[in-house]
Amino acid sequence: MTETAHRKRGGKPFHSILEPHFDFIRELRQRRKTWHEIAELLFTEKGIRVTHHAPYLFYRRKLKRAAKPHWESEAATPPAATVNPSASSPTQQTTINKTTNPYQFNNLTI
C-alpha cells in the first residue's frame, strides 16, 4: 500500500488566517471600503498579504455560517408547536376520503 493509505484521518482543522481579523474587516466594510482597500490595509496594518478576493470570500462565508443555527444547539431546544387555523379537522378529512373514489375518472368507475 502507499504511504497515504496508512495515514489516519483527522488532523489539525483548517483555520483561516483572516479569522482573528473578522471584526477589523467588518469595521472597514461598514466604512464602505472596497475589497482592494481592505486587502491593502490588511497588509499595511496587520502584515497579512492576501488578494482582494480572499477577504471577500472569507467575509461572505463567515456571515453565511453565522446565519445558520448550529446543529447541536438546534437539537437541544425542542421544536415549537405551530397551530394552523386554516387546517381542517381530522374528522372532516376522513369523511371526505371515505366518500371519494380514488379510481374514479370522468364519472367512470374502474
C-alpha atoms as a PDB file:
ATOM      1  CA  MET A   1       0.000   0.000   0.000  1.00  0.00           C
ATOM      2  CA  THR A   2       1.023   3.570  -0.455  1.00  0.00           C
ATOM      3  CA  GLU A   3       2.039   5.850   2.326  1.00  0.00           C
ATOM      4  CA  THR A   4      -1.215   7.811   2.109  1.00  0.00           C
ATOM      5  CA  ALA A   5      -3.268   4.665   2.682  1.00  0.00           C
ATOM      6  CA  HIS A   6      -1.581   4.146   6.064  1.00  0.00           C
ATOM      7  CA  ARG A   7      -2.304   7.648   7.343  1.00  0.00           C
ATOM      8  CA  LYS A   8      -5.078   8.075   9.820  1.00  0.00           C
ATOM      9  CA  ARG A   9      -7.859  10.526   9.127  1.00  0.00           C
ATOM     10  CA  GLY A  10      -8.262  13.685  11.061  1.00  0.00           C
ATOM     11  CA  GLY A  11      -5.539  16.052  11.987  1.00  0.00           C
ATOM     12  CA  LYS A  12      -5.436  19.751  12.619  1.00  0.00           C
ATOM     13  CA  PRO A  13      -8.541  21.534  11.291  1.00  0.00           C
ATOM     14  CA  PHE A  14      -8.101  24.380   8.833  1.00  0.00           C
ATOM     15  CA  HIS A  15      -8.457  27.902  10.196  1.00  0.00           C
ATOM     16  CA  SER A  16      -8.318  30.980   8.026  1.00  0.00           C
ATOM     17  CA  ILE A  17      -5.534  33.455   8.627  1.00  0.00           C
ATOM     18  CA  LEU A  18      -8.229  36.140   8.476  1.00  0.00           C
ATOM     19  CA  GLU A  19     -10.262  34.658  11.352  1.00  0.00           C
ATOM     20  CA  PRO A  20      -8.738  36.859  14.097  1.00  0.00           C
ATOM     21  CA  HIS A  21      -9.292  39.935  11.914  1.00  0.00           C
ATOM     22  CA  PHE A  22     -13.003  39.480  11.202  1.00  0.00           C
ATOM     23  CA  ASP A  23     -14.011  42.496  13.300  1.00  0.00           C
ATOM     24  CA  PHE A  24     -11.396  44.619  11.514  1.00  0.00           C
ATOM     25  CA  ILE A  25     -12.773  43.582   8.114  1.00  0.00           C
ATOM     26  CA  ARG A  26     -16.365  44.166   9.233  1.00  0.00           C
ATOM     27  CA  GLU A  27     -15.491  47.624  10.507  1.00  0.00           C
ATOM     28  CA  LEU A  28     -13.851  48.501   7.179  1.00  0.00           C
ATOM     29  CA  ARG A  29     -16.876  47.244   5.239  1.00  0.00           C
ATOM     30  CA  GLN A  30     -19.150  49.389   7.422  1.00  0.00           C
ATOM     31  CA  ARG A  31     -16.958  52.337   6.473  1.00  0.00           C
ATOM     32  CA  ARG A  32     -17.689  51.431   2.816  1.00  0.00           C
ATOM     33  CA  LYS A  33     -14.107  50.403   1.983  1.00  0.00           C
ATOM     34  CA  THR A  34     -13.597  48.340  -1.183  1.00  0.00           C
ATOM     35  CA  TRP A  35     -12.129  44.840  -1.112  1.00  0.00           C
ATOM     36  CA  HIS A  36      -8.937  46.180  -2.730  1.00  0.00           C
ATOM     37  CA  GLU A  37      -8.588  48.751   0.049  1.00  0.00           C
ATOM     38  CA  ILE A  38      -9.248  46.118   2.695  1.00  0.00           C
ATOM     39  CA  ALA A  39      -6.576  43.840   1.235  1.00  0.00           C
ATOM     40  CA  GLU A  40      -4.088  46.738   1.236  1.00  0.00           C
ATOM     41  CA  LEU A  41      -4.959  47.681   4.823  1.00  0.00           C
ATOM     42  CA  LEU A  42      -4.580  44.069   5.940  1.00  0.00           C
ATOM     43  CA  PHE A  43      -1.045  44.127   4.542  1.00  0.00           C
ATOM     44  CA  THR A  44      -0.036  47.559   5.877  1.00  0.00           C
ATOM     45  CA  GLU A  45      -1.634  47.321   9.328  1.00  0.00           C
ATOM     46  CA  LYS A  46      -1.715  43.581  10.068  1.00  0.00           C
ATOM     47  CA  GLY A  47       1.102  42.238   7.876  1.00  0.00           C
ATOM     48  CA  ILE A  48      -1.163  39.791   6.029  1.00  0.00           C
ATOM     49  CA  ARG A  49      -0.650  39.671   2.272  1.00  0.00           C
ATOM     50  CA  VAL A  50      -3.815  38.484   0.521  1.00  0.00           C
ATOM     51  CA  THR A  51      -5.565  39.179  -2.758  1.00  0.00           C
ATOM     52  CA  HIS A  52      -8.708  41.304  -2.796  1.00  0.00           C
ATOM     53  CA  HIS A  53     -10.776  38.161  -3.312  1.00  0.00           C
ATOM     54  CA  ALA A  54      -9.636  36.433  -0.094  1.00  0.00           C
ATOM     55  CA  PRO A  55     -11.266  38.834   2.401  1.00  0.00           C
ATOM     56  CA  TYR A  56     -14.414  38.907   0.262  1.00  0.00           C
ATOM     57  CA  LEU A  57     -14.780  35.109   0.276  1.00  0.00           C
ATOM     58  CA  PHE A  58     -13.883  34.892   3.968  1.00  0.00           C
ATOM     59  CA  TYR A  59     -16.362  37.612   4.964  1.00  0.00           C
ATOM     60  CA  ARG A  60     -19.186  36.151   2.869  1.00  0.00           C
ATOM     61  CA  ARG A  61     -18.582  32.626   4.241  1.00  0.00           C
ATOM     62  CA  LYS A  62     -18.396  33.881   7.841  1.00  0.00           C
ATOM     63  CA  LEU A  63     -21.707  35.766   7.568  1.00  0.00           C
ATOM     64  CA  LYS A  64     -23.384  32.810   5.879  1.00  0.00           C
ATOM     65  CA  ARG A  65     -22.279  30.419   8.636  1.00  0.00           C
ATOM     66  CA  ALA A  66     -23.329  32.851  11.353  1.00  0.00           C
ATOM     67  CA  ALA A  67     -26.843  32.963   9.919  1.00  0.00           C
ATOM     68  CA  LYS A  68     -27.263  29.185  10.179  1.00  0.00           C
ATOM     69  CA  PRO A  69     -28.008  27.694  13.603  1.00  0.00           C
ATOM     70  CA  HIS A  70     -25.517  25.165  14.900  1.00  0.00           C
ATOM     71  CA  TRP A  71     -26.804  21.593  14.780  1.00  0.00           C
ATOM     72  CA  GLU A  72     -26.016  20.937  18.456  1.00  0.00           C
ATOM     73  CA  SER A  73     -27.871  23.984  19.745  1.00  0.00           C
ATOM     74  CA  GLU A  74     -30.788  23.183  17.433  1.00  0.00           C
ATOM     75  CA  ALA A  75     -31.097  19.670  18.897  1.00  0.00           C
ATOM     76  CA  ALA A  76     -31.027  20.981  22.473  1.00  0.00           C
ATOM     77  CA  THR A  77     -34.103  23.169  22.022  1.00  0.00           C
ATOM     78  CA  PRO A  78     -37.418  21.386  21.436  1.00  0.00           C
ATOM     79  CA  PRO A  79     -39.305  22.451  18.312  1.00  0.00           C
ATOM     80  CA  ALA A  80     -42.145  24.874  18.903  1.00  0.00           C
ATOM     81  CA  ALA A  81     -45.636  23.587  18.188  1.00  0.00           C
ATOM     82  CA  THR A  82     -47.369  25.568  15.487  1.00  0.00           C
ATOM     83  CA  VAL A  83     -51.104  25.678  15.030  1.00  0.00           C
ATOM     84  CA  ASN A  84     -52.533  26.228  11.576  1.00  0.00           C
ATOM     85  CA  PRO A  85     -56.045  27.687  11.976  1.00  0.00           C
ATOM     86  CA  SER A  86     -56.937  27.105   8.328  1.00  0.00           C
ATOM     87  CA  ALA A  87     -56.273  23.346   8.544  1.00  0.00           C
ATOM     88  CA  SER A  88     -59.380  21.205   8.575  1.00  0.00           C
ATOM     89  CA  SER A  89     -60.108  18.861  11.433  1.00  0.00           C
ATOM     90  CA  PRO A  90     -59.130  15.160  11.125  1.00  0.00           C
ATOM     91  CA  THR A  91     -62.774  14.063  11.165  1.00  0.00           C
ATOM     92  CA  GLN A  92     -63.566  16.176   8.124  1.00  0.00           C
ATOM     93  CA  GLN A  93     -60.623  14.747   6.232  1.00  0.00           C
ATOM     94  CA  THR A  94     -61.595  11.149   6.977  1.00  0.00           C
ATOM     95  CA  THR A  95     -65.185  11.634   5.791  1.00  0.00           C
ATOM     96  CA  ILE A  96     -64.021  13.286   2.595  1.00  0.00           C
ATOM     97  CA  ASN A  97     -61.574  10.482   1.954  1.00  0.00           C
ATOM     98  CA  LYS A  98     -64.270   7.843   2.524  1.00  0.00           C
ATOM     99  CA  THR A  99     -66.760   9.421   0.120  1.00  0.00           C
ATOM    100  CA  THR A 100     -64.430   9.922  -2.855  1.00  0.00           C
ATOM    101  CA  ASN A 101     -63.323   7.049  -5.038  1.00  0.00           C
ATOM    102  CA  PRO A 102     -59.624   7.331  -5.857  1.00  0.00           C
ATOM    103  CA  TYR A 103     -60.136   5.230  -9.018  1.00  0.00           C
ATOM    104  CA  GLN A 104     -62.934   7.367 -10.430  1.00  0.00           C
ATOM    105  CA  PHE A 105     -62.145   9.328 -13.625  1.00  0.00           C
ATOM    106  CA  ASN A 106     -64.750  11.373 -15.524  1.00  0.00           C
ATOM    107  CA  ASN A 107     -67.607   9.617 -13.692  1.00  0.00           C
ATOM    108  CA  LEU A 108     -66.362   6.225 -14.871  1.00  0.00           C
ATOM    109  CA  THR A 109     -65.585   3.607 -12.273  1.00  0.00           C
ATOM    110  CA  ILE A 110     -62.757   1.195 -12.941  1.00  0.00           C
END
